[in-house]
Amino acid sequence: MKSKILLAAMIVALLAAGCGKTAPTNTTQQPREAIDYHQYLKKTWTKRNEADNNSGNDVSFAISKIENGEITGELMVVGPAPSYPNASANLNGIIINDTAECRFTDSRENTGTIRLVFKPNNEMEATITLTNKAQDNKAQPPAGTFQFAPYNLKDIEGFSPIENQSFMVDLNSWGRVKFVSGKLTGGNHIPAVFYLTDEKGDILYSFQATLPYRVDVKAVSFEDVSKDGLKDIIIIVDDGYAGQGNVPLAAVFFQKDDGSFANDLKLDQEINDSKNNNDVKTVKSYLAGKR
């Protein structure tokens, strides 16, 4: 189940059109308090109760933008082990009275609607209705009404944070977020993992770090090394299992205009092969020379 959620958590996007709210007809009623939709953005929403999943397929969604009543994001469905078949769909809809009505056609040609109800206390309710089922039902969206909550660090089996390499940082369009370094200790391999989260530990972004298993995180730095006005991230780890003592390895994640991060594996290899990877200053000097 955790592998399915981790796979689903990689994907983010939603589309839309239109907005409206109706005023109370009873003048004695207190006006509805406007919901701050920002709290629902850039999170991976997963079913709160696994018992709700009566189809064998897991479903999650992410909302990337809400503006002028229009909502954009993506629906993700992941099937059972061992192959974990998946399907994704852009969601297009409008918000009226704190409820989004969206339509979708997924990558396996299932079509339907999803009704999202914005609820307090970091919760959402989603009702999925299929209007046309594809012949391929390997990753078919489950129909029904489900309760959702954000995917959180505490939901990751075996996750152990590295507190001295986790930092609050202002990352441009992300605003003030926490960069979290950690390790997954639940299996034979112990990979280093990296996330952006909010102050509650809700996961906003998962980094795809191609690093050896069992490395120790030595340094993290937030620098605009590409000089495009966006902060990039330099990560340096020590590989103590290379048979040569602690060998430093660097990885650089370049922030893009949409807030995602790109990792150039060829550039990382150049940095590491040239031995310009011992500390952040050396990596920055090497990248400045490349420009």
C-alpha atoms as a PDB file:
ATOM      1  CA  MET A   1       0.000   0.000   0.000  1.00  0.00           C
ATOM      2  CA  LYS A   2       2.803   2.399   0.915  1.00  0.00           C
ATOM      3  CA  SER A   3       4.484   1.798  -2.449  1.00  0.00           C
ATOM      4  CA  LYS A   4       1.218   2.613  -4.193  1.00  0.00           C
ATOM      5  CA  ILE A   5       0.857   5.876  -2.286  1.00  0.00           C
ATOM      6  CA  LEU A   6       4.482   6.832  -2.950  1.00  0.00           C
ATOM      7  CA  LEU A   7       3.939   6.235  -6.672  1.00  0.00           C
ATOM      8  CA  ALA A   8       0.735   8.266  -6.652  1.00  0.00           C
ATOM      9  CA  ALA A   9       2.416  11.028  -4.687  1.00  0.00           C
ATOM     10  CA  MET A  10       4.801  11.755  -7.576  1.00  0.00           C
ATOM     11  CA  ILE A  11       2.149  13.221  -9.858  1.00  0.00           C
ATOM     12  CA  VAL A  12       0.518  16.690  -9.641  1.00  0.00           C
ATOM     13  CA  ALA A  13      -1.940  18.859 -11.986  1.00  0.00           C
ATOM     14  CA  LEU A  14      -5.862  19.982 -12.408  1.00  0.00           C
ATOM     15  CA  LEU A  15      -7.848  22.237 -14.951  1.00  0.00           C
ATOM     16  CA  ALA A  16     -11.106  24.256 -14.769  1.00  0.00           C
ATOM     17  CA  ALA A  17     -13.631  27.136 -15.404  1.00  0.00           C
ATOM     18  CA  GLY A  18     -16.066  29.449 -13.456  1.00  0.00           C
ATOM     19  CA  CYS A  19     -16.912  30.392  -9.840  1.00  0.00           C
ATOM     20  CA  GLY A  20     -19.827  31.551  -7.709  1.00  0.00           C
ATOM     21  CA  LYS A  21     -21.267  31.793  -4.223  1.00  0.00           C
ATOM     22  CA  THR A  22     -24.865  32.363  -3.197  1.00  0.00           C
ATOM     23  CA  ALA A  23     -25.708  34.860  -0.481  1.00  0.00           C
ATOM     24  CA  PRO A  24     -27.848  33.676   2.469  1.00  0.00           C
ATOM     25  CA  THR A  25     -31.544  34.346   1.917  1.00  0.00           C
ATOM     26  CA  ASN A  26     -32.227  34.562   5.660  1.00  0.00           C
ATOM     27  CA  THR A  27     -30.937  37.920   6.878  1.00  0.00           C
ATOM     28  CA  THR A  28     -30.658  36.600  10.447  1.00  0.00           C
ATOM     29  CA  GLN A  29     -28.012  34.069   9.416  1.00  0.00           C
ATOM     30  CA  GLN A  30     -24.351  34.819   9.851  1.00  0.00           C
ATOM     31  CA  PRO A  31     -22.547  35.034   6.477  1.00  0.00           C
ATOM     32  CA  ARG A  32     -20.507  31.989   5.518  1.00  0.00           C
ATOM     33  CA  GLU A  33     -16.842  32.402   6.415  1.00  0.00           C
ATOM     34  CA  ALA A  34     -14.780  32.321   3.241  1.00  0.00           C
ATOM     35  CA  ILE A  35     -12.517  29.298   2.946  1.00  0.00           C
ATOM     36  CA  ASP A  36      -8.825  29.889   2.380  1.00  0.00           C
ATOM     37  CA  TYR A  37      -8.227  27.529  -0.533  1.00  0.00           C
ATOM     38  CA  HIS A  38      -4.471  27.896  -0.222  1.00  0.00           C
ATOM     39  CA  GLN A  39      -4.473  25.186   2.472  1.00  0.00           C
ATOM     40  CA  TYR A  40      -5.627  22.575  -0.076  1.00  0.00           C
ATOM     41  CA  LEU A  41      -3.015  23.299  -2.746  1.00  0.00           C
ATOM     42  CA  LYS A  42       0.080  21.291  -3.733  1.00  0.00           C
ATOM     43  CA  LYS A  43      -0.702  18.361  -1.460  1.00  0.00           C
ATOM     44  CA  THR A  44      -1.283  14.746  -2.354  1.00  0.00           C
ATOM     45  CA  TRP A  45      -4.711  13.806  -0.966  1.00  0.00           C
ATOM     46  CA  THR A  46      -5.145  10.100  -0.158  1.00  0.00           C
ATOM     47  CA  LYS A  47      -8.060   8.121   1.246  1.00  0.00           C
ATOM     48  CA  ARG A  48      -8.124   8.403   5.014  1.00  0.00           C
ATOM     49  CA  ASN A  49      -9.496   4.889   5.556  1.00  0.00           C
ATOM     50  CA  GLU A  50      -7.983   2.033   3.545  1.00  0.00           C
ATOM     51  CA  ALA A  51     -11.158   0.028   4.199  1.00  0.00           C
ATOM     52  CA  ASP A  52     -12.886   2.468   1.831  1.00  0.00           C
ATOM     53  CA  ASN A  53     -10.912   0.959  -1.034  1.00  0.00           C
ATOM     54  CA  ASN A  54     -13.292  -1.816  -2.052  1.00  0.00           C
ATOM     55  CA  SER A  55     -12.014  -1.982  -5.652  1.00  0.00           C
ATOM     56  CA  GLY A  56      -8.431  -3.013  -4.924  1.00  0.00           C
ATOM     57  CA  ASN A  57      -7.267   0.209  -6.613  1.00  0.00           C
ATOM     58  CA  ASP A  58      -5.992   3.178  -4.676  1.00  0.00           C
ATOM     59  CA  VAL A  59      -6.903   6.726  -5.643  1.00  0.00           C
ATOM     60  CA  SER A  60      -5.355  10.100  -4.851  1.00  0.00           C
ATOM     61  CA  PHE A  61      -5.527  13.603  -6.239  1.00  0.00           C
ATOM     62  CA  ALA A  62      -3.584  16.850  -6.099  1.00  0.00           C
ATOM     63  CA  ILE A  63      -4.758  20.418  -6.637  1.00  0.00           C
ATOM     64  CA  SER A  64      -2.240  22.722  -8.251  1.00  0.00           C
ATOM     65  CA  LYS A  65      -4.277  25.898  -8.687  1.00  0.00           C
ATOM     66  CA  ILE A  66      -7.533  27.537  -7.587  1.00  0.00           C
ATOM     67  CA  GLU A  67      -8.211  30.969  -9.034  1.00  0.00           C
ATOM     68  CA  ASN A  68     -11.411  32.882  -9.834  1.00  0.00           C
ATOM     69  CA  GLY A  69     -13.475  29.782  -9.165  1.00  0.00           C
ATOM     70  CA  GLU A  70     -11.430  27.632 -11.539  1.00  0.00           C
ATOM     71  CA  ILE A  71      -9.662  24.531 -10.234  1.00  0.00           C
ATOM     72  CA  THR A  72      -6.808  22.598 -11.856  1.00  0.00           C
ATOM     73  CA  GLY A  73      -5.024  19.411 -10.756  1.00  0.00           C
ATOM     74  CA  GLU A  74      -4.766  15.659 -11.379  1.00  0.00           C
ATOM     75  CA  LEU A  75      -6.417  12.405 -10.362  1.00  0.00           C
ATOM     76  CA  MET A  76      -4.184   9.341  -9.934  1.00  0.00           C
ATOM     77  CA  VAL A  77      -5.208   5.676  -9.613  1.00  0.00           C
ATOM     78  CA  VAL A  78      -2.774   2.868  -8.788  1.00  0.00           C
ATOM     79  CA  GLY A  79      -3.655  -0.821  -9.003  1.00  0.00           C
ATOM     80  CA  PRO A  80      -2.441  -3.708  -6.837  1.00  0.00           C
ATOM     81  CA  ALA A  81       0.983  -5.355  -6.611  1.00  0.00           C
ATOM     82  CA  PRO A  82       3.151  -6.618  -8.105  1.00  0.00           C
ATOM     83  CA  SER A  83       2.839  -4.508 -11.255  1.00  0.00           C
ATOM     84  CA  TYR A  84       1.073  -1.468  -9.744  1.00  0.00           C
ATOM     85  CA  PRO A  85      -0.738  -0.455 -12.968  1.00  0.00           C
ATOM     86  CA  ASN A  86      -1.686   3.209 -12.931  1.00  0.00           C
ATOM     87  CA  ALA A  87      -3.877   5.753 -14.661  1.00  0.00           C
ATOM     88  CA  SER A  88      -3.982   9.532 -14.435  1.00  0.00           C
ATOM     89  CA  ALA A  89      -6.433  12.215 -15.479  1.00  0.00           C
ATOM     90  CA  ASN A  90      -6.559  15.993 -15.582  1.00  0.00           C
ATOM     91  CA  LEU A  91      -9.491  17.365 -13.591  1.00  0.00           C
ATOM     92  CA  ASN A  92     -11.443  20.295 -15.035  1.00  0.00           C
ATOM     93  CA  GLY A  93     -14.096  22.042 -12.996  1.00  0.00           C
ATOM     94  CA  ILE A  94     -15.547  24.994 -11.151  1.00  0.00           C
ATOM     95  CA  ILE A  95     -16.121  25.772  -7.482  1.00  0.00           C
ATOM     96  CA  ILE A  96     -19.559  26.797  -6.230  1.00  0.00           C
ATOM     97  CA  ASN A  97     -20.274  27.117  -2.490  1.00  0.00           C
ATOM     98  CA  ASP A  98     -17.001  25.410  -1.514  1.00  0.00           C
ATOM     99  CA  THR A  99     -17.705  22.383  -3.719  1.00  0.00           C
ATOM    100  CA  ALA A 100     -15.830  21.612  -6.937  1.00  0.00           C
ATOM    101  CA  GLU A 101     -17.591  19.777  -9.750  1.00  0.00           C
ATOM    102  CA  CYS A 102     -15.033  18.250 -12.132  1.00  0.00           C
ATOM    103  CA  ARG A 103     -15.050  15.955 -15.147  1.00  0.00           C
ATOM    104  CA  PHE A 104     -12.233  13.673 -16.220  1.00  0.00           C
ATOM    105  CA  THR A 105     -11.072  11.224 -18.873  1.00  0.00           C
ATOM    106  CA  ASP A 106      -8.127   9.177 -17.649  1.00  0.00           C
ATOM    107  CA  SER A 107      -5.208   7.679 -19.539  1.00  0.00           C
ATOM    108  CA  ARG A 108      -7.061   4.341 -19.870  1.00  0.00           C
ATOM    109  CA  GLU A 109     -10.178   6.044 -21.288  1.00  0.00           C
ATOM    110  CA  ASN A 110     -12.371   5.808 -18.197  1.00  0.00           C
ATOM    111  CA  THR A 111     -14.605   8.886 -18.028  1.00  0.00           C
ATOM    112  CA  GLY A 112     -16.483  10.286 -15.085  1.00  0.00           C
ATOM    113  CA  THR A 113     -17.003  13.060 -12.592  1.00  0.00           C
ATOM    114  CA  ILE A 114     -15.494  13.848  -9.225  1.00  0.00           C
ATOM    115  CA  ARG A 115     -17.212  16.098  -6.700  1.00  0.00           C
ATOM    116  CA  LEU A 116     -14.763  17.617  -4.198  1.00  0.00           C
ATOM    117  CA  VAL A 117     -16.095  19.090  -0.946  1.00  0.00           C
ATOM    118  CA  PHE A 118     -13.684  21.400   0.872  1.00  0.00           C
ATOM    119  CA  LYS A 119     -13.951  20.667   4.597  1.00  0.00           C
ATOM    120  CA  PRO A 120     -12.240  22.184   7.649  1.00  0.00           C
ATOM    121  CA  ASN A 121      -9.551  20.478   9.720  1.00  0.00           C
ATOM    122  CA  ASN A 122      -7.424  19.548   6.718  1.00  0.00           C
ATOM    123  CA  GLU A 123      -9.993  17.178   5.239  1.00  0.00           C
ATOM    124  CA  MET A 124     -11.780  16.734   1.921  1.00  0.00           C
ATOM    125  CA  GLU A 125     -14.594  14.530   0.665  1.00  0.00           C
ATOM    126  CA  ALA A 126     -14.647  13.168  -2.878  1.00  0.00           C
ATOM    127  CA  THR A 127     -17.495  11.457  -4.702  1.00  0.00           C
ATOM    128  CA  ILE A 128     -16.350   9.618  -7.850  1.00  0.00           C
ATOM    129  CA  THR A 129     -18.879   8.582 -10.482  1.00  0.00           C
ATOM    130  CA  LEU A 130     -17.924   6.664 -13.624  1.00  0.00           C
ATOM    131  CA  THR A 131     -19.956   7.542 -16.711  1.00  0.00           C
ATOM    132  CA  ASN A 132     -18.022   5.210 -19.024  1.00  0.00           C
ATOM    133  CA  LYS A 133     -15.809   2.296 -18.021  1.00  0.00           C
ATOM    134  CA  ALA A 134     -12.901   1.300 -20.230  1.00  0.00           C
ATOM    135  CA  GLN A 135     -12.482  -2.353 -21.190  1.00  0.00           C
ATOM    136  CA  ASP A 136      -9.108  -2.233 -19.462  1.00  0.00           C
ATOM    137  CA  ASN A 137     -10.039  -2.219 -15.765  1.00  0.00           C
ATOM    138  CA  LYS A 138      -6.551  -2.699 -14.315  1.00  0.00           C
ATOM    139  CA  ALA A 139      -6.436   0.804 -12.790  1.00  0.00           C
ATOM    140  CA  GLN A 140     -10.075   1.830 -12.840  1.00  0.00           C
ATOM    141  CA  PRO A 141     -11.097   4.678 -10.500  1.00  0.00           C
ATOM    142  CA  PRO A 142     -13.173   3.346  -7.586  1.00  0.00           C
ATOM    143  CA  ALA A 143     -16.754   4.686  -7.562  1.00  0.00           C
ATOM    144  CA  GLY A 144     -18.208   6.022  -4.329  1.00  0.00           C
ATOM    145  CA  THR A 145     -17.764   8.681  -1.674  1.00  0.00           C
ATOM    146  CA  PHE A 146     -14.493   8.726   0.243  1.00  0.00           C
ATOM    147  CA  GLN A 147     -12.854  10.866   2.928  1.00  0.00           C
ATOM    148  CA  PHE A 148      -9.411  12.232   2.091  1.00  0.00           C
ATOM    149  CA  ALA A 149      -6.526  13.697   4.067  1.00  0.00           C
ATOM    150  CA  PRO A 150      -3.110  14.981   2.945  1.00  0.00           C
ATOM    151  CA  TYR A 151      -0.284  12.485   2.616  1.00  0.00           C
ATOM    152  CA  ASN A 152       1.983  13.171   5.592  1.00  0.00           C
ATOM    153  CA  LEU A 153       5.512  12.206   6.622  1.00  0.00           C
ATOM    154  CA  LYS A 154       4.023  10.089   9.408  1.00  0.00           C
ATOM    155  CA  ASP A 155       2.277   7.964   6.759  1.00  0.00           C
ATOM    156  CA  ILE A 156       5.603   6.808   5.246  1.00  0.00           C
ATOM    157  CA  GLU A 157       6.525   3.434   6.668  1.00  0.00           C
ATOM    158  CA  GLY A 158      10.048   3.389   8.067  1.00  0.00           C
ATOM    159  CA  PHE A 159      10.688   7.104   7.520  1.00  0.00           C
ATOM    160  CA  SER A 160      13.346   8.554   9.831  1.00  0.00           C
ATOM    161  CA  PRO A 161      14.022  12.309   9.561  1.00  0.00           C
ATOM    162  CA  ILE A 162      17.549  13.752   9.615  1.00  0.00           C
ATOM    163  CA  GLU A 163      16.877  16.764  11.789  1.00  0.00           C
ATOM    164  CA  ASN A 164      20.231  18.521  11.344  1.00  0.00           C
ATOM    165  CA  GLN A 165      19.795  18.472   7.548  1.00  0.00           C
ATOM    166  CA  SER A 166      16.164  19.657   7.520  1.00  0.00           C
ATOM    167  CA  PHE A 167      15.479  23.386   7.221  1.00  0.00           C
ATOM    168  CA  MET A 168      12.737  25.982   6.936  1.00  0.00           C
ATOM    169  CA  VAL A 169      13.323  27.926   3.720  1.00  0.00           C
ATOM    170  CA  ASP A 170      11.605  30.455   1.460  1.00  0.00           C
ATOM    171  CA  LEU A 171      11.475  28.857  -2.001  1.00  0.00           C
ATOM    172  CA  ASN A 172       9.958  31.451  -4.323  1.00  0.00           C
ATOM    173  CA  SER A 173       6.449  30.361  -5.410  1.00  0.00           C
ATOM    174  CA  TRP A 174       6.388  27.698  -2.688  1.00  0.00           C
ATOM    175  CA  GLY A 175       6.617  30.357   0.004  1.00  0.00           C
ATOM    176  CA  ARG A 176       8.010  29.328   3.377  1.00  0.00           C
ATOM    177  CA  VAL A 177       8.241  25.541   3.502  1.00  0.00           C
ATOM    178  CA  LYS A 178      10.345  22.896   5.205  1.00  0.00           C
ATOM    179  CA  PHE A 179      12.971  20.956   3.288  1.00  0.00           C
ATOM    180  CA  VAL A 180      13.140  17.557   4.990  1.00  0.00           C
ATOM    181  CA  SER A 181      16.009  15.086   4.675  1.00  0.00           C
ATOM    182  CA  GLY A 182      15.457  11.548   5.875  1.00  0.00           C
ATOM    183  CA  LYS A 183      15.990   7.834   5.369  1.00  0.00           C
ATOM    184  CA  LEU A 184      13.657   4.922   4.703  1.00  0.00           C
ATOM    185  CA  THR A 185      14.647   2.270   7.216  1.00  0.00           C
ATOM    186  CA  GLY A 186      11.890  -0.279   6.671  1.00  0.00           C
ATOM    187  CA  GLY A 187      13.694  -2.578   4.210  1.00  0.00           C
ATOM    188  CA  ASN A 188      17.047  -4.094   3.326  1.00  0.00           C
ATOM    189  CA  HIS A 189      18.055  -0.909   1.500  1.00  0.00           C
ATOM    190  CA  ILE A 190      18.163   2.396   3.397  1.00  0.00           C
ATOM    191  CA  PRO A 191      17.870   5.167   0.805  1.00  0.00           C
ATOM    192  CA  ALA A 192      18.086   8.872   1.542  1.00  0.00           C
ATOM    193  CA  VAL A 193      14.893  10.739   0.666  1.00  0.00           C
ATOM    194  CA  PHE A 194      14.000  14.419   0.449  1.00  0.00           C
ATOM    195  CA  TYR A 195      10.666  16.272   0.635  1.00  0.00           C
ATOM    196  CA  LEU A 196       9.121  19.703   0.853  1.00  0.00           C
ATOM    197  CA  THR A 197       6.443  19.844   3.544  1.00  0.00           C
ATOM    198  CA  ASP A 198       4.297  22.388   5.352  1.00  0.00           C
ATOM    199  CA  GLU A 199       4.605  23.016   9.087  1.00  0.00           C
ATOM    200  CA  LYS A 200       2.340  20.011   9.828  1.00  0.00           C
ATOM    201  CA  GLY A 201       4.446  17.579   7.823  1.00  0.00           C
ATOM    202  CA  ASP A 202       2.008  17.355   4.899  1.00  0.00           C
ATOM    203  CA  ILE A 203       4.056  16.473   1.812  1.00  0.00           C
ATOM    204  CA  LEU A 204       4.049  19.137  -0.894  1.00  0.00           C
ATOM    205  CA  TYR A 205       6.815  17.785  -3.136  1.00  0.00           C
ATOM    206  CA  SER A 206       8.922  14.604  -3.380  1.00  0.00           C
ATOM    207  CA  PHE A 207      12.439  14.812  -4.838  1.00  0.00           C
ATOM    208  CA  GLN A 208      13.657  12.008  -7.087  1.00  0.00           C
ATOM    209  CA  ALA A 209      17.229  11.651  -5.869  1.00  0.00           C
ATOM    210  CA  THR A 210      19.333   9.104  -7.784  1.00  0.00           C
ATOM    211  CA  LEU A 211      21.838   8.290  -5.047  1.00  0.00           C
ATOM    212  CA  PRO A 212      23.410   5.067  -3.761  1.00  0.00           C
ATOM    213  CA  TYR A 213      21.748   3.338  -0.830  1.00  0.00           C
ATOM    214  CA  ARG A 214      23.104   3.870   2.675  1.00  0.00           C
ATOM    215  CA  VAL A 215      24.576   7.329   2.159  1.00  0.00           C
ATOM    216  CA  ASP A 216      24.792   9.940   4.895  1.00  0.00           C
ATOM    217  CA  VAL A 217      23.563  13.452   4.145  1.00  0.00           C
ATOM    218  CA  LYS A 218      26.502  15.802   4.644  1.00  0.00           C
ATOM    219  CA  ALA A 219      25.162  19.213   3.532  1.00  0.00           C
ATOM    220  CA  VAL A 220      22.139  20.931   1.953  1.00  0.00           C
ATOM    221  CA  SER A 221      22.235  24.448   0.512  1.00  0.00           C
ATOM    222  CA  PHE A 222      19.665  26.654  -1.200  1.00  0.00           C
ATOM    223  CA  GLU A 223      21.329  28.798  -3.863  1.00  0.00           C
ATOM    224  CA  ASP A 224      20.308  30.386  -7.163  1.00  0.00           C
ATOM    225  CA  VAL A 225      23.175  28.717  -9.024  1.00  0.00           C
ATOM    226  CA  SER A 226      21.461  29.032 -12.427  1.00  0.00           C
ATOM    227  CA  LYS A 227      20.976  32.815 -11.917  1.00  0.00           C
ATOM    228  CA  ASP A 228      17.338  32.781 -13.045  1.00  0.00           C
ATOM    229  CA  GLY A 229      15.911  34.281  -9.846  1.00  0.00           C
ATOM    230  CA  LEU A 230      14.819  30.876  -8.459  1.00  0.00           C
ATOM    231  CA  LYS A 231      16.544  29.067  -5.605  1.00  0.00           C
ATOM    232  CA  ASP A 232      18.103  25.749  -6.532  1.00  0.00           C
ATOM    233  CA  ILE A 233      19.142  23.012  -4.097  1.00  0.00           C
ATOM    234  CA  ILE A 234      22.598  21.492  -3.668  1.00  0.00           C
ATOM    235  CA  ILE A 235      22.786  18.203  -1.763  1.00  0.00           C
ATOM    236  CA  ILE A 236      26.067  16.576  -0.746  1.00  0.00           C
ATOM    237  CA  VAL A 237      26.178  13.078   0.726  1.00  0.00           C
ATOM    238  CA  ASP A 238      28.932  10.748   1.929  1.00  0.00           C
ATOM    239  CA  ASP A 239      28.985   7.267   0.439  1.00  0.00           C
ATOM    240  CA  GLY A 240      30.659   5.162   3.104  1.00  0.00           C
ATOM    241  CA  TYR A 241      30.033   1.862   1.320  1.00  0.00           C
ATOM    242  CA  ALA A 242      32.128   2.440  -1.782  1.00  0.00           C
ATOM    243  CA  GLY A 243      35.116   0.542  -0.353  1.00  0.00           C
ATOM    244  CA  GLN A 244      37.193   3.743  -0.312  1.00  0.00           C
ATOM    245  CA  GLY A 245      36.132   5.340   2.955  1.00  0.00           C
ATOM    246  CA  ASN A 246      33.637   8.217   2.867  1.00  0.00           C
ATOM    247  CA  VAL A 247      33.323   9.365  -0.757  1.00  0.00           C
ATOM    248  CA  PRO A 248      31.411  12.643  -1.285  1.00  0.00           C
ATOM    249  CA  LEU A 249      28.695  12.799  -3.946  1.00  0.00           C
ATOM    250  CA  ALA A 250      26.826  15.914  -5.053  1.00  0.00           C
ATOM    251  CA  ALA A 251      23.397  16.316  -6.625  1.00  0.00           C
ATOM    252  CA  VAL A 252      21.891  19.596  -7.830  1.00  0.00           C
ATOM    253  CA  PHE A 253      18.160  20.228  -8.228  1.00  0.00           C
ATOM    254  CA  PHE A 254      17.288  23.211 -10.428  1.00  0.00           C
ATOM    255  CA  GLN A 255      13.994  24.937  -9.675  1.00  0.00           C
ATOM    256  CA  LYS A 256      11.747  25.561 -12.687  1.00  0.00           C
ATOM    257  CA  ASP A 257       9.146  28.285 -13.234  1.00  0.00           C
ATOM    258  CA  ASP A 258       6.298  25.965 -12.196  1.00  0.00           C
ATOM    259  CA  GLY A 259       7.961  25.172  -8.865  1.00  0.00           C
ATOM    260  CA  SER A 260       9.134  21.667  -9.820  1.00  0.00           C
ATOM    261  CA  PHE A 261      12.800  20.663  -9.622  1.00  0.00           C
ATOM    262  CA  ALA A 262      14.946  19.124 -12.365  1.00  0.00           C
ATOM    263  CA  ASN A 263      18.018  16.987 -11.676  1.00  0.00           C
ATOM    264  CA  ASP A 264      20.585  16.714 -14.486  1.00  0.00           C
ATOM    265  CA  LEU A 265      22.252  13.343 -13.887  1.00  0.00           C
ATOM    266  CA  LYS A 266      24.942  14.036 -16.502  1.00  0.00           C
ATOM    267  CA  LEU A 267      25.901  17.278 -14.747  1.00  0.00           C
ATOM    268  CA  ASP A 268      25.978  15.500 -11.377  1.00  0.00           C
ATOM    269  CA  GLN A 269      28.344  12.928 -12.842  1.00  0.00           C
ATOM    270  CA  GLU A 270      30.616  15.685 -14.201  1.00  0.00           C
ATOM    271  CA  ILE A 271      30.736  17.334 -10.771  1.00  0.00           C
ATOM    272  CA  ASN A 272      31.534  14.070  -9.029  1.00  0.00           C
ATOM    273  CA  ASP A 273      34.036  12.776 -11.603  1.00  0.00           C
ATOM    274  CA  SER A 274      35.919  16.091 -11.402  1.00  0.00           C
ATOM    275  CA  LYS A 275      36.018  15.824  -7.571  1.00  0.00           C
ATOM    276  CA  ASN A 276      34.416  19.265  -7.242  1.00  0.00           C
ATOM    277  CA  ASN A 277      31.963  17.847  -4.733  1.00  0.00           C
ATOM    278  CA  ASN A 278      33.569  18.034  -1.300  1.00  0.00           C
ATOM    279  CA  ASP A 279      31.516  21.001  -0.057  1.00  0.00           C
ATOM    280  CA  VAL A 280      28.872  23.483  -1.196  1.00  0.00           C
ATOM    281  CA  LYS A 281      31.420  26.219  -1.994  1.00  0.00           C
ATOM    282  CA  THR A 282      33.322  23.922  -4.360  1.00  0.00           C
ATOM    283  CA  VAL A 283      30.132  22.832  -6.143  1.00  0.00           C
ATOM    284  CA  LYS A 284      29.067  26.466  -6.567  1.00  0.00           C
ATOM    285  CA  SER A 285      32.453  27.417  -8.007  1.00  0.00           C
ATOM    286  CA  TYR A 286      32.304  24.552 -10.489  1.00  0.00           C
ATOM    287  CA  LEU A 287      28.779  25.498 -11.614  1.00  0.00           C
ATOM    288  CA  ALA A 288      29.813  29.161 -11.963  1.00  0.00           C
ATOM    289  CA  GLY A 289      32.600  28.038 -14.299  1.00  0.00           C
ATOM    290  CA  LYS A 290      30.115  26.016 -16.364  1.00  0.00           C
ATOM    291  CA  ARG A 291      27.997  29.149 -16.916  1.00  0.00           C
END
